Amino acid sequence: MSVAVGNSDFRPLPTNPNAKITGVHESLLQECEKDIIWYRDNFFGKVHQNYLALDSPRGPLAISVIEDGDVYKALVRTTEGSERLSVARSAVPCPWWRKTLGMGPSLSALMTAISRNIPYQNLKLCKDPNLANELLSMEERQVIRSYKFGVAYVGLGQSSEEEMLQNRFENTSPAFKQFLNFLGETIELRGWKGYRAGLDVSGSNNTGTQSVYTKWQGYEIMFHVSAMLPFIQGDRQQLERKRHIGNDIVVIIFQDGDTPYQLTSITSHQNHIIAVVQPHGDGYK
């Protein structure tokens, strides 16, 4: 893999030579999405309690608590994020008379055992049956579920953005086509019903006829493949292609040769991350 940084604004990140790519999906599991999965898997649809505080020393709070076997699990939501907590049931003090009456531990004892940072005095139990749906919906709205990445092909002897955008799909290498299969499936744009990332799906072919798309656990990813976008004869800059690739925050550059790619040739201020990939054995580096 050969890249020339020059006086561009890009800076190389340290890499781990022993790292292995197992898929393009796992890193998309955001922290808030993990909380959603945890709430959905451990609380939603099960008997649990939701406590609310409109005002507290920690600001507004929404806390879900469930007794799961010998453990109490809690999801504490604040304006700064969410915490997933758990405590053994044996660690929560409960007087004999409360046990006799089937009452369980008091709110103060339970919350203090879960975390001493919870201002339990401000919490109120909410019995609205619709609250669980609202909490789940609220957190789902915080998650970005559609992404668009640029993908470009750099052939043998090529080193600049202008050369990269001139490549036609039929002239790309078999290794590049195999890489696209690794990223996702090739879909027909005409009539496409999924996430389109600004591509034309009306059948007018204004952005080509095909693209590469993948979906995983509710996430949609559309790749703007420069070689699949319309090629305009006589246009040195290929502005139609650059209109899409130039607005992608992340661009994956597939490099067939060893000619150093000149990052200074990238003129877009929207491209923040450039990932240069080369075939290496049975995989990529």
C-alpha atoms as a PDB file:
ATOM      1  CA  MET A   1       0.000   0.000   0.000  1.00  0.00           C
ATOM      2  CA  SER A   2       1.564   3.263  -1.134  1.00  0.00           C
ATOM      3  CA  VAL A   3       0.303   6.735  -0.264  1.00  0.00           C
ATOM      4  CA  ALA A   4       1.983  10.131  -0.525  1.00  0.00           C
ATOM      5  CA  VAL A   5       0.644  12.517   2.130  1.00  0.00           C
ATOM      6  CA  GLY A   6       2.604  15.574   0.975  1.00  0.00           C
ATOM      7  CA  ASN A   7       1.245  18.879   2.278  1.00  0.00           C
ATOM      8  CA  SER A   8      -2.361  17.658   2.362  1.00  0.00           C
ATOM      9  CA  ASP A   9      -4.509  17.978   5.491  1.00  0.00           C
ATOM     10  CA  PHE A  10      -4.673  14.178   5.846  1.00  0.00           C
ATOM     11  CA  ARG A  11      -2.590  12.449   8.510  1.00  0.00           C
ATOM     12  CA  PRO A  12      -1.868   8.706   8.524  1.00  0.00           C
ATOM     13  CA  LEU A  13      -3.114   6.685  11.486  1.00  0.00           C
ATOM     14  CA  PRO A  14      -0.942   4.001  13.064  1.00  0.00           C
ATOM     15  CA  THR A  15      -1.962   0.539  11.892  1.00  0.00           C
ATOM     16  CA  ASN A  16      -1.763  -2.906  13.415  1.00  0.00           C
ATOM     17  CA  PRO A  17      -0.070  -5.276  10.949  1.00  0.00           C
ATOM     18  CA  ASN A  18      -1.679  -8.248  12.714  1.00  0.00           C
ATOM     19  CA  ALA A  19      -5.228  -6.898  12.476  1.00  0.00           C
ATOM     20  CA  LYS A  20      -7.701  -8.972  10.503  1.00  0.00           C
ATOM     21  CA  ILE A  21     -10.872  -7.843   8.761  1.00  0.00           C
ATOM     22  CA  THR A  22     -13.767 -10.140   9.574  1.00  0.00           C
ATOM     23  CA  GLY A  23     -16.523  -7.920   8.202  1.00  0.00           C
ATOM     24  CA  VAL A  24     -17.560  -4.326   7.604  1.00  0.00           C
ATOM     25  CA  HIS A  25     -20.428  -4.329  10.070  1.00  0.00           C
ATOM     26  CA  GLU A  26     -19.429  -4.824  13.699  1.00  0.00           C
ATOM     27  CA  SER A  27     -17.910  -1.365  14.117  1.00  0.00           C
ATOM     28  CA  LEU A  28     -21.255   0.214  13.264  1.00  0.00           C
ATOM     29  CA  LEU A  29     -22.764  -1.023  16.534  1.00  0.00           C
ATOM     30  CA  GLN A  30     -22.808   2.337  18.302  1.00  0.00           C
ATOM     31  CA  GLU A  31     -22.796   2.691  22.078  1.00  0.00           C
ATOM     32  CA  CYS A  32     -26.398   3.922  22.134  1.00  0.00           C
ATOM     33  CA  GLU A  33     -27.399   0.993  19.922  1.00  0.00           C
ATOM     34  CA  LYS A  34     -25.887  -1.399  22.458  1.00  0.00           C
ATOM     35  CA  ASP A  35     -28.126   0.174  25.101  1.00  0.00           C
ATOM     36  CA  ILE A  36     -31.160  -0.287  22.862  1.00  0.00           C
ATOM     37  CA  ILE A  37     -30.360  -3.947  22.328  1.00  0.00           C
ATOM     38  CA  TRP A  38     -29.800  -4.409  26.063  1.00  0.00           C
ATOM     39  CA  TYR A  39     -33.124  -2.741  26.898  1.00  0.00           C
ATOM     40  CA  ARG A  40     -34.970  -4.671  24.214  1.00  0.00           C
ATOM     41  CA  ASP A  41     -33.437  -8.007  25.207  1.00  0.00           C
ATOM     42  CA  ASN A  42     -33.580  -7.618  28.998  1.00  0.00           C
ATOM     43  CA  PHE A  43     -36.530  -5.309  29.720  1.00  0.00           C
ATOM     44  CA  PHE A  44     -38.920  -4.737  26.841  1.00  0.00           C
ATOM     45  CA  GLY A  45     -42.010  -6.962  26.972  1.00  0.00           C
ATOM     46  CA  LYS A  46     -41.109  -8.208  30.466  1.00  0.00           C
ATOM     47  CA  VAL A  47     -42.330  -7.128  33.883  1.00  0.00           C
ATOM     48  CA  HIS A  48     -40.065  -4.286  34.972  1.00  0.00           C
ATOM     49  CA  GLN A  49     -40.255  -0.864  36.590  1.00  0.00           C
ATOM     50  CA  ASN A  50     -39.560   2.516  35.037  1.00  0.00           C
ATOM     51  CA  TYR A  51     -38.660   5.451  37.268  1.00  0.00           C
ATOM     52  CA  LEU A  52     -38.606   9.062  36.117  1.00  0.00           C
ATOM     53  CA  ALA A  53     -37.190  12.293  37.506  1.00  0.00           C
ATOM     54  CA  LEU A  54     -37.879  15.535  35.678  1.00  0.00           C
ATOM     55  CA  ASP A  55     -35.322  17.291  37.817  1.00  0.00           C
ATOM     56  CA  SER A  56     -32.466  15.951  39.947  1.00  0.00           C
ATOM     57  CA  PRO A  57     -28.811  16.752  40.769  1.00  0.00           C
ATOM     58  CA  ARG A  58     -27.971  14.760  37.627  1.00  0.00           C
ATOM     59  CA  GLY A  59     -30.679  16.392  35.531  1.00  0.00           C
ATOM     60  CA  PRO A  60     -33.630  14.482  34.040  1.00  0.00           C
ATOM     61  CA  LEU A  61     -33.492  10.725  34.629  1.00  0.00           C
ATOM     62  CA  ALA A  62     -35.232   7.656  33.236  1.00  0.00           C
ATOM     63  CA  ILE A  63     -34.277   4.406  34.955  1.00  0.00           C
ATOM     64  CA  SER A  64     -35.505   0.936  34.049  1.00  0.00           C
ATOM     65  CA  VAL A  65     -35.075  -1.863  36.601  1.00  0.00           C
ATOM     66  CA  ILE A  66     -35.807  -5.576  36.315  1.00  0.00           C
ATOM     67  CA  GLU A  67     -35.268  -8.526  38.636  1.00  0.00           C
ATOM     68  CA  ASP A  68     -33.634 -11.246  36.556  1.00  0.00           C
ATOM     69  CA  GLY A  69     -33.014 -14.364  38.604  1.00  0.00           C
ATOM     70  CA  ASP A  70     -30.486 -13.536  41.289  1.00  0.00           C
ATOM     71  CA  VAL A  71     -29.594 -10.173  39.743  1.00  0.00           C
ATOM     72  CA  TYR A  72     -31.172  -6.739  39.475  1.00  0.00           C
ATOM     73  CA  LYS A  73     -30.416  -5.074  36.133  1.00  0.00           C
ATOM     74  CA  ALA A  74     -30.784  -1.352  35.567  1.00  0.00           C
ATOM     75  CA  LEU A  75     -30.513   0.956  32.567  1.00  0.00           C
ATOM     76  CA  VAL A  76     -29.878   4.512  33.763  1.00  0.00           C
ATOM     77  CA  ARG A  77     -30.517   7.216  31.142  1.00  0.00           C
ATOM     78  CA  THR A  78     -29.302  10.775  31.583  1.00  0.00           C
ATOM     79  CA  THR A  79     -28.709  13.702  29.260  1.00  0.00           C
ATOM     80  CA  GLU A  80     -25.053  12.599  29.113  1.00  0.00           C
ATOM     81  CA  GLY A  81     -25.797   9.061  27.971  1.00  0.00           C
ATOM     82  CA  SER A  82     -26.779   5.689  29.396  1.00  0.00           C
ATOM     83  CA  GLU A  83     -25.288   3.312  31.949  1.00  0.00           C
ATOM     84  CA  ARG A  84     -25.904  -0.436  32.109  1.00  0.00           C
ATOM     85  CA  LEU A  85     -25.692  -1.588  35.709  1.00  0.00           C
ATOM     86  CA  SER A  86     -26.392  -4.747  37.647  1.00  0.00           C
ATOM     87  CA  VAL A  87     -26.203  -5.896  41.270  1.00  0.00           C
ATOM     88  CA  ALA A  88     -26.699  -9.249  42.964  1.00  0.00           C
ATOM     89  CA  ARG A  89     -30.067  -9.578  44.681  1.00  0.00           C
ATOM     90  CA  SER A  90     -28.280 -10.723  47.853  1.00  0.00           C
ATOM     91  CA  ALA A  91     -26.458  -7.354  47.946  1.00  0.00           C
ATOM     92  CA  VAL A  92     -29.736  -5.409  48.229  1.00  0.00           C
ATOM     93  CA  PRO A  93     -30.924  -5.198  51.854  1.00  0.00           C
ATOM     94  CA  CYS A  94     -34.574  -6.077  52.392  1.00  0.00           C
ATOM     95  CA  PRO A  95     -36.146  -6.229  55.895  1.00  0.00           C
ATOM     96  CA  TRP A  96     -37.944  -9.439  56.859  1.00  0.00           C
ATOM     97  CA  TRP A  97     -41.287  -7.688  57.104  1.00  0.00           C
ATOM     98  CA  ARG A  98     -41.066  -6.463  53.509  1.00  0.00           C
ATOM     99  CA  LYS A  99     -40.230  -9.992  52.390  1.00  0.00           C
ATOM    100  CA  THR A 100     -43.166 -11.322  54.421  1.00  0.00           C
ATOM    101  CA  LEU A 101     -45.523  -8.881  52.721  1.00  0.00           C
ATOM    102  CA  GLY A 102     -43.999  -9.666  49.284  1.00  0.00           C
ATOM    103  CA  MET A 103     -42.910  -6.068  48.867  1.00  0.00           C
ATOM    104  CA  GLY A 104     -39.263  -6.495  47.934  1.00  0.00           C
ATOM    105  CA  PRO A 105     -36.579  -3.924  48.807  1.00  0.00           C
ATOM    106  CA  SER A 106     -37.354  -0.235  49.163  1.00  0.00           C
ATOM    107  CA  LEU A 107     -36.558   2.172  46.343  1.00  0.00           C
ATOM    108  CA  SER A 108     -33.767   3.779  48.363  1.00  0.00           C
ATOM    109  CA  ALA A 109     -32.150   0.415  49.187  1.00  0.00           C
ATOM    110  CA  LEU A 110     -32.403  -0.807  45.601  1.00  0.00           C
ATOM    111  CA  MET A 111     -31.043   2.344  43.951  1.00  0.00           C
ATOM    112  CA  THR A 112     -28.247   2.756  46.482  1.00  0.00           C
ATOM    113  CA  ALA A 113     -27.164  -0.843  45.880  1.00  0.00           C
ATOM    114  CA  ILE A 114     -27.219  -0.318  42.109  1.00  0.00           C
ATOM    115  CA  SER A 115     -25.239   2.922  42.279  1.00  0.00           C
ATOM    116  CA  ARG A 116     -24.618   5.498  44.985  1.00  0.00           C
ATOM    117  CA  ASN A 117     -24.697   8.114  42.230  1.00  0.00           C
ATOM    118  CA  ILE A 118     -28.462   7.741  41.699  1.00  0.00           C
ATOM    119  CA  PRO A 119     -30.527  10.493  43.414  1.00  0.00           C
ATOM    120  CA  TYR A 120     -33.383   8.160  44.355  1.00  0.00           C
ATOM    121  CA  GLN A 121     -35.187  10.893  46.324  1.00  0.00           C
ATOM    122  CA  ASN A 122     -36.200  12.508  43.024  1.00  0.00           C
ATOM    123  CA  LEU A 123     -37.480   9.338  41.332  1.00  0.00           C
ATOM    124  CA  LYS A 124     -41.141   8.539  40.795  1.00  0.00           C
ATOM    125  CA  LEU A 125     -42.463   5.175  39.627  1.00  0.00           C
ATOM    126  CA  CYS A 126     -44.278   5.524  36.304  1.00  0.00           C
ATOM    127  CA  LYS A 127     -47.067   3.029  35.703  1.00  0.00           C
ATOM    128  CA  ASP A 128     -48.047   4.222  32.226  1.00  0.00           C
ATOM    129  CA  PRO A 129     -48.078   1.024  30.096  1.00  0.00           C
ATOM    130  CA  ASN A 130     -47.031   3.042  27.014  1.00  0.00           C
ATOM    131  CA  LEU A 131     -43.809   4.291  28.582  1.00  0.00           C
ATOM    132  CA  ALA A 132     -41.764   1.220  27.585  1.00  0.00           C
ATOM    133  CA  ASN A 133     -42.647   1.807  23.909  1.00  0.00           C
ATOM    134  CA  GLU A 134     -41.804   5.494  24.222  1.00  0.00           C
ATOM    135  CA  LEU A 135     -38.428   4.794  25.835  1.00  0.00           C
ATOM    136  CA  LEU A 136     -37.515   2.313  23.118  1.00  0.00           C
ATOM    137  CA  SER A 137     -38.646   4.673  20.344  1.00  0.00           C
ATOM    138  CA  MET A 138     -36.781   7.593  21.898  1.00  0.00           C
ATOM    139  CA  GLU A 139     -33.489   5.705  21.883  1.00  0.00           C
ATOM    140  CA  GLU A 140     -34.013   4.279  18.398  1.00  0.00           C
ATOM    141  CA  ARG A 141     -34.374   7.814  17.054  1.00  0.00           C
ATOM    142  CA  GLN A 142     -30.900   8.639  18.369  1.00  0.00           C
ATOM    143  CA  VAL A 143     -29.273   6.016  16.147  1.00  0.00           C
ATOM    144  CA  ILE A 144     -28.167   6.714  12.574  1.00  0.00           C
ATOM    145  CA  ARG A 145     -29.267   3.694  10.579  1.00  0.00           C
ATOM    146  CA  SER A 146     -28.174   4.682   7.078  1.00  0.00           C
ATOM    147  CA  TYR A 147     -24.643   5.381   5.866  1.00  0.00           C
ATOM    148  CA  LYS A 148     -23.039   6.305   2.550  1.00  0.00           C
ATOM    149  CA  PHE A 149     -19.387   5.615   1.741  1.00  0.00           C
ATOM    150  CA  GLY A 150     -17.441   6.433  -1.387  1.00  0.00           C
ATOM    151  CA  VAL A 151     -15.506   3.684  -3.166  1.00  0.00           C
ATOM    152  CA  ALA A 152     -12.972   4.473  -5.891  1.00  0.00           C
ATOM    153  CA  TYR A 153     -10.630   2.407  -8.048  1.00  0.00           C
ATOM    154  CA  VAL A 154      -7.003   3.358  -8.682  1.00  0.00           C
ATOM    155  CA  GLY A 155      -5.449   1.346 -11.496  1.00  0.00           C
ATOM    156  CA  LEU A 156      -1.847   0.486 -12.297  1.00  0.00           C
ATOM    157  CA  GLY A 157       0.313   3.575 -12.655  1.00  0.00           C
ATOM    158  CA  GLN A 158      -2.410   5.942 -11.447  1.00  0.00           C
ATOM    159  CA  SER A 159      -1.752   8.336  -8.575  1.00  0.00           C
ATOM    160  CA  SER A 160      -4.291  11.176  -8.599  1.00  0.00           C
ATOM    161  CA  GLU A 161      -7.959  11.875  -8.021  1.00  0.00           C
ATOM    162  CA  GLU A 162      -8.402  12.966 -11.631  1.00  0.00           C
ATOM    163  CA  GLU A 163      -7.069   9.638 -12.928  1.00  0.00           C
ATOM    164  CA  MET A 164      -9.113   7.742 -10.354  1.00  0.00           C
ATOM    165  CA  LEU A 165     -12.375   9.351 -11.457  1.00  0.00           C
ATOM    166  CA  GLN A 166     -11.671   8.557 -15.124  1.00  0.00           C
ATOM    167  CA  ASN A 167     -11.882   4.787 -14.615  1.00  0.00           C
ATOM    168  CA  ARG A 168     -14.798   2.930 -16.170  1.00  0.00           C
ATOM    169  CA  PHE A 169     -16.211  -0.127 -14.468  1.00  0.00           C
ATOM    170  CA  GLU A 170     -15.546  -2.435 -17.408  1.00  0.00           C
ATOM    171  CA  ASN A 171     -11.844  -1.530 -17.196  1.00  0.00           C
ATOM    172  CA  THR A 172     -11.428  -2.222 -13.484  1.00  0.00           C
ATOM    173  CA  SER A 173      -9.613  -5.346 -12.331  1.00  0.00           C
ATOM    174  CA  PRO A 174     -11.189  -8.647 -11.232  1.00  0.00           C
ATOM    175  CA  ALA A 175      -9.675  -7.998  -7.786  1.00  0.00           C
ATOM    176  CA  PHE A 176     -11.648  -4.759  -7.499  1.00  0.00           C
ATOM    177  CA  LYS A 177     -14.878  -6.465  -8.517  1.00  0.00           C
ATOM    178  CA  GLN A 178     -14.204  -9.157  -5.914  1.00  0.00           C
ATOM    179  CA  PHE A 179     -13.672  -6.419  -3.316  1.00  0.00           C
ATOM    180  CA  LEU A 180     -17.070  -4.943  -4.164  1.00  0.00           C
ATOM    181  CA  ASN A 181     -18.600  -8.381  -3.566  1.00  0.00           C
ATOM    182  CA  PHE A 182     -16.914  -8.364  -0.170  1.00  0.00           C
ATOM    183  CA  LEU A 183     -18.492  -4.999   0.662  1.00  0.00           C
ATOM    184  CA  GLY A 184     -22.037  -5.885  -0.360  1.00  0.00           C
ATOM    185  CA  GLU A 185     -24.367  -6.915  -3.160  1.00  0.00           C
ATOM    186  CA  THR A 186     -24.747  -5.250  -6.535  1.00  0.00           C
ATOM    187  CA  ILE A 187     -28.289  -3.859  -6.841  1.00  0.00           C
ATOM    188  CA  GLU A 188     -30.312  -2.355  -9.675  1.00  0.00           C
ATOM    189  CA  LEU A 189     -31.089   1.292  -8.980  1.00  0.00           C
ATOM    190  CA  ARG A 190     -34.303   1.370 -11.015  1.00  0.00           C
ATOM    191  CA  GLY A 191     -37.164   1.007  -8.573  1.00  0.00           C
ATOM    192  CA  TRP A 192     -34.863   0.514  -5.576  1.00  0.00           C
ATOM    193  CA  LYS A 193     -36.880   0.771  -2.333  1.00  0.00           C
ATOM    194  CA  GLY A 194     -34.085   0.842   0.251  1.00  0.00           C
ATOM    195  CA  TYR A 195     -31.734   3.612   1.304  1.00  0.00           C
ATOM    196  CA  ARG A 196     -30.545   5.314  -1.883  1.00  0.00           C
ATOM    197  CA  ALA A 197     -27.941   7.816  -0.568  1.00  0.00           C
ATOM    198  CA  GLY A 198     -28.929  10.447  -3.137  1.00  0.00           C
ATOM    199  CA  LEU A 199     -28.767   8.071  -6.113  1.00  0.00           C
ATOM    200  CA  ASP A 200     -31.435   8.226  -8.836  1.00  0.00           C
ATOM    201  CA  VAL A 201     -33.855   5.294  -8.623  1.00  0.00           C
ATOM    202  CA  SER A 202     -36.460   6.635 -11.050  1.00  0.00           C
ATOM    203  CA  GLY A 203     -35.082   4.703 -14.007  1.00  0.00           C
ATOM    204  CA  SER A 204     -33.616   7.779 -15.694  1.00  0.00           C
ATOM    205  CA  ASN A 205     -30.108   6.410 -15.010  1.00  0.00           C
ATOM    206  CA  ASN A 206     -28.845   9.847 -13.990  1.00  0.00           C
ATOM    207  CA  THR A 207     -26.534   8.184 -11.463  1.00  0.00           C
ATOM    208  CA  GLY A 208     -25.938   4.948 -13.332  1.00  0.00           C
ATOM    209  CA  THR A 209     -27.873   1.702 -13.365  1.00  0.00           C
ATOM    210  CA  GLN A 210     -26.295  -0.209 -10.470  1.00  0.00           C
ATOM    211  CA  SER A 211     -24.653   0.316  -7.099  1.00  0.00           C
ATOM    212  CA  VAL A 212     -23.351  -1.691  -4.140  1.00  0.00           C
ATOM    213  CA  TYR A 213     -25.465  -2.005  -1.000  1.00  0.00           C
ATOM    214  CA  THR A 214     -25.493  -3.977   2.217  1.00  0.00           C
ATOM    215  CA  LYS A 215     -27.694  -4.279   5.300  1.00  0.00           C
ATOM    216  CA  TRP A 216     -26.952  -5.659   8.743  1.00  0.00           C
ATOM    217  CA  GLN A 217     -29.089  -5.647  11.899  1.00  0.00           C
ATOM    218  CA  GLY A 218     -31.212  -2.771  10.632  1.00  0.00           C
ATOM    219  CA  TYR A 219     -28.287  -0.680   9.295  1.00  0.00           C
ATOM    220  CA  GLU A 220     -28.292   0.278   5.613  1.00  0.00           C
ATOM    221  CA  ILE A 221     -25.080   1.118   3.757  1.00  0.00           C
ATOM    222  CA  MET A 222     -24.975   2.404   0.194  1.00  0.00           C
ATOM    223  CA  PHE A 223     -21.597   2.677  -1.505  1.00  0.00           C
ATOM    224  CA  HIS A 224     -21.031   5.406  -4.079  1.00  0.00           C
ATOM    225  CA  VAL A 225     -18.810   3.437  -6.469  1.00  0.00           C
ATOM    226  CA  SER A 226     -17.150   5.991  -8.732  1.00  0.00           C
ATOM    227  CA  ALA A 227     -16.660   3.533 -11.616  1.00  0.00           C
ATOM    228  CA  MET A 228     -20.398   2.741 -11.556  1.00  0.00           C
ATOM    229  CA  LEU A 229     -21.450   6.401 -11.718  1.00  0.00           C
ATOM    230  CA  PRO A 230     -21.988   7.944 -15.197  1.00  0.00           C
ATOM    231  CA  PHE A 231     -18.852   8.646 -17.213  1.00  0.00           C
ATOM    232  CA  ILE A 232     -18.975  11.924 -19.165  1.00  0.00           C
ATOM    233  CA  GLN A 233     -16.756  11.878 -22.248  1.00  0.00           C
ATOM    234  CA  GLY A 234     -14.480  14.917 -22.393  1.00  0.00           C
ATOM    235  CA  ASP A 235     -14.977  15.900 -18.742  1.00  0.00           C
ATOM    236  CA  ARG A 236     -11.509  15.725 -17.180  1.00  0.00           C
ATOM    237  CA  GLN A 237     -12.832  16.245 -13.657  1.00  0.00           C
ATOM    238  CA  GLN A 238     -15.847  13.937 -14.032  1.00  0.00           C
ATOM    239  CA  LEU A 239     -17.957  16.361 -12.003  1.00  0.00           C
ATOM    240  CA  GLU A 240     -20.993  14.059 -11.882  1.00  0.00           C
ATOM    241  CA  ARG A 241     -18.929  11.413 -10.137  1.00  0.00           C
ATOM    242  CA  LYS A 242     -17.184  13.943  -7.937  1.00  0.00           C
ATOM    243  CA  ARG A 243     -20.548  15.349  -6.864  1.00  0.00           C
ATOM    244  CA  HIS A 244     -21.148  12.110  -4.944  1.00  0.00           C
ATOM    245  CA  ILE A 245     -17.628  10.950  -4.016  1.00  0.00           C
ATOM    246  CA  GLY A 246     -16.606  14.484  -3.044  1.00  0.00           C
ATOM    247  CA  ASN A 247     -19.438  14.716  -0.513  1.00  0.00           C
ATOM    248  CA  ASP A 248     -18.734  11.400   1.222  1.00  0.00           C
ATOM    249  CA  ILE A 249     -17.061  11.781   4.608  1.00  0.00           C
ATOM    250  CA  VAL A 250     -15.403   8.383   4.193  1.00  0.00           C
ATOM    251  CA  VAL A 251     -13.864   7.256   0.896  1.00  0.00           C
ATOM    252  CA  ILE A 252     -12.391   3.795   0.352  1.00  0.00           C
ATOM    253  CA  ILE A 253      -9.709   3.771  -2.345  1.00  0.00           C
ATOM    254  CA  PHE A 254      -8.897   0.394  -3.867  1.00  0.00           C
ATOM    255  CA  GLN A 255      -5.320   0.487  -5.157  1.00  0.00           C
ATOM    256  CA  ASP A 256      -4.221  -2.064  -7.758  1.00  0.00           C
ATOM    257  CA  GLY A 257      -0.587  -0.995  -8.155  1.00  0.00           C
ATOM    258  CA  ASP A 258       2.240   0.392  -6.035  1.00  0.00           C
ATOM    259  CA  THR A 259       2.391   3.901  -7.478  1.00  0.00           C
ATOM    260  CA  PRO A 260       2.057   6.269  -4.488  1.00  0.00           C
ATOM    261  CA  TYR A 261      -1.419   7.795  -4.398  1.00  0.00           C
ATOM    262  CA  GLN A 262      -1.179  11.572  -4.026  1.00  0.00           C
ATOM    263  CA  LEU A 263      -3.510  12.686  -1.254  1.00  0.00           C
ATOM    264  CA  THR A 264      -2.810  16.286  -2.267  1.00  0.00           C
ATOM    265  CA  SER A 265      -4.850  15.644  -5.424  1.00  0.00           C
ATOM    266  CA  ILE A 266      -8.052  15.336  -3.338  1.00  0.00           C
ATOM    267  CA  THR A 267      -9.699  18.758  -3.424  1.00  0.00           C
ATOM    268  CA  SER A 268     -12.942  18.130  -1.530  1.00  0.00           C
ATOM    269  CA  HIS A 269     -13.245  19.525   1.980  1.00  0.00           C
ATOM    270  CA  GLN A 270     -15.943  16.963   2.806  1.00  0.00           C
ATOM    271  CA  ASN A 271     -13.658  13.906   2.576  1.00  0.00           C
ATOM    272  CA  HIS A 272     -12.392  13.446   6.134  1.00  0.00           C
ATOM    273  CA  ILE A 273     -11.286   9.793   6.099  1.00  0.00           C
ATOM    274  CA  ILE A 274      -9.456   8.100   3.225  1.00  0.00           C
ATOM    275  CA  ALA A 275      -9.016   4.343   3.597  1.00  0.00           C
ATOM    276  CA  VAL A 276      -6.567   2.928   1.049  1.00  0.00           C
ATOM    277  CA  VAL A 277      -6.951  -0.818   0.455  1.00  0.00           C
ATOM    278  CA  GLN A 278      -4.803  -3.234  -1.540  1.00  0.00           C
ATOM    279  CA  PRO A 279      -5.168  -6.966  -2.271  1.00  0.00           C
ATOM    280  CA  HIS A 280      -2.888  -8.987  -0.020  1.00  0.00           C
ATOM    281  CA  GLY A 281      -2.844 -12.771  -0.281  1.00  0.00           C
ATOM    282  CA  ASP A 282      -6.397 -13.983   0.261  1.00  0.00           C
ATOM    283  CA  GLY A 283      -7.413 -10.741   1.919  1.00  0.00           C
ATOM    284  CA  TYR A 284      -6.635  -7.040   1.983  1.00  0.00           C
ATOM    285  CA  LYS A 285      -4.227  -4.657   3.640  1.00  0.00           C
END
